[in-house]
Amino acid sequence: MKTVLTAAALFAVLLLSACDWSSVGFNGTCKEYCASVKVTENESQTDIDSAMKQKCEAMGRHGTPQVLDKSKTEVGFTCPV
């Protein structure tokens, strides 16, 4: 019984640490320091870059985020280490 609970706990940790951006296809792409921002069609690239940088800085990461994938409504990226 203890083994089952331990396995369940490990599985829960894996689920919580995974990035799930199924709407833009990020599943399995990003392992850590992953983030995404919602975007609108009329948003400038400068505004999007600023939002990504702010989100990374909130995680304690500084530098230029690397875009992994994007759609019309969302941009997924990883923050520099």
Protein backbone atom coordinates (compact mmCIF):
# COMPACT_ATOMS: atom_id res chain seq x y z
CA MET A 1 0.00 0.00 0.00
CA LYS A 2 2.84 2.41 0.85
CA THR A 3 4.41 1.78 -2.59
CA VAL A 4 1.13 2.68 -4.32
CA LEU A 5 0.87 5.94 -2.36
CA THR A 6 4.49 6.82 -3.15
CA ALA A 7 3.97 6.13 -6.85
CA ALA A 8 0.81 8.25 -6.82
CA ALA A 9 2.67 11.11 -5.13
CA LEU A 10 5.46 10.99 -7.71
CA PHE A 11 2.94 10.96 -10.54
CA ALA A 12 1.17 14.02 -9.04
CA VAL A 13 4.48 15.92 -8.85
CA LEU A 14 5.18 15.12 -12.50
CA LEU A 15 1.76 16.37 -13.54
CA LEU A 16 2.17 19.60 -11.60
CA SER A 17 5.61 20.31 -13.08
CA ALA A 18 4.63 19.63 -16.69
CA CYS A 19 3.75 22.43 -19.08
CA ASP A 20 0.37 21.86 -20.64
CA TRP A 21 -0.24 24.22 -23.50
CA SER A 22 -2.37 21.87 -25.55
CA SER A 23 -4.01 24.79 -27.35
CA VAL A 24 -0.72 25.62 -29.10
CA GLY A 25 1.02 22.26 -29.07
CA PHE A 26 3.66 22.69 -26.38
CA ASN A 27 3.09 19.29 -24.80
CA GLY A 28 6.48 17.71 -24.14
CA THR A 29 8.42 20.61 -25.65
CA CYS A 30 9.32 22.52 -22.52
CA LYS A 31 10.81 20.96 -19.40
CA GLU A 32 11.44 23.90 -17.04
CA TYR A 33 10.99 27.65 -16.82
CA CYS A 34 8.09 27.38 -19.25
CA ALA A 35 5.51 30.10 -19.64
CA SER A 36 2.91 31.35 -22.04
CA VAL A 37 1.12 34.61 -22.65
CA LYS A 38 -2.24 35.25 -24.26
CA VAL A 39 -2.09 37.53 -27.28
CA THR A 40 -4.54 39.35 -29.50
CA GLU A 41 -4.32 39.86 -33.24
CA ASN A 42 -3.70 43.60 -32.95
CA GLU A 43 -0.95 43.33 -30.29
CA SER A 44 2.46 44.52 -31.43
CA GLN A 45 5.51 42.27 -31.27
CA THR A 46 7.08 44.76 -28.86
CA ASP A 47 4.13 44.35 -26.47
CA ILE A 48 4.36 40.55 -26.72
CA ASP A 49 8.13 40.59 -26.11
CA SER A 50 7.62 42.85 -23.09
CA ALA A 51 4.94 40.53 -21.64
CA MET A 52 7.20 37.49 -22.09
CA LYS A 53 10.15 39.26 -20.46
CA GLN A 54 8.01 40.37 -17.51
CA LYS A 55 6.75 36.84 -16.96
CA CYS A 56 10.33 35.49 -16.97
CA GLU A 57 11.48 38.19 -14.56
CA ALA A 58 8.64 37.23 -12.23
CA MET A 59 10.22 33.74 -12.16
CA GLY A 60 13.61 35.25 -11.34
CA ARG A 61 14.93 34.69 -14.87
CA HIS A 62 16.55 37.50 -16.85
CA GLY A 63 17.48 37.70 -20.51
CA THR A 64 15.69 37.01 -23.76
CA PRO A 65 12.96 34.35 -23.70
CA GLN A 66 13.06 31.70 -26.42
CA VAL A 67 9.75 31.22 -28.26
CA LEU A 68 8.85 27.56 -28.59
CA ASP A 69 5.57 27.84 -30.42
CA LYS A 70 2.79 30.31 -31.07
CA SER A 71 -0.76 30.53 -32.27
CA LYS A 72 -3.17 33.38 -32.93
CA THR A 73 -4.11 33.53 -29.24
CA GLU A 74 -1.05 32.36 -27.30
CA VAL A 75 2.76 32.34 -27.32
CA GLY A 76 4.65 29.65 -25.42
CA PHE A 77 8.26 30.20 -24.47
CA THR A 78 11.04 29.18 -22.15
CA CYS A 79 12.86 31.63 -19.92
CA PRO A 80 16.67 31.79 -19.87
CA VAL A 81 18.43 29.89 -17.09
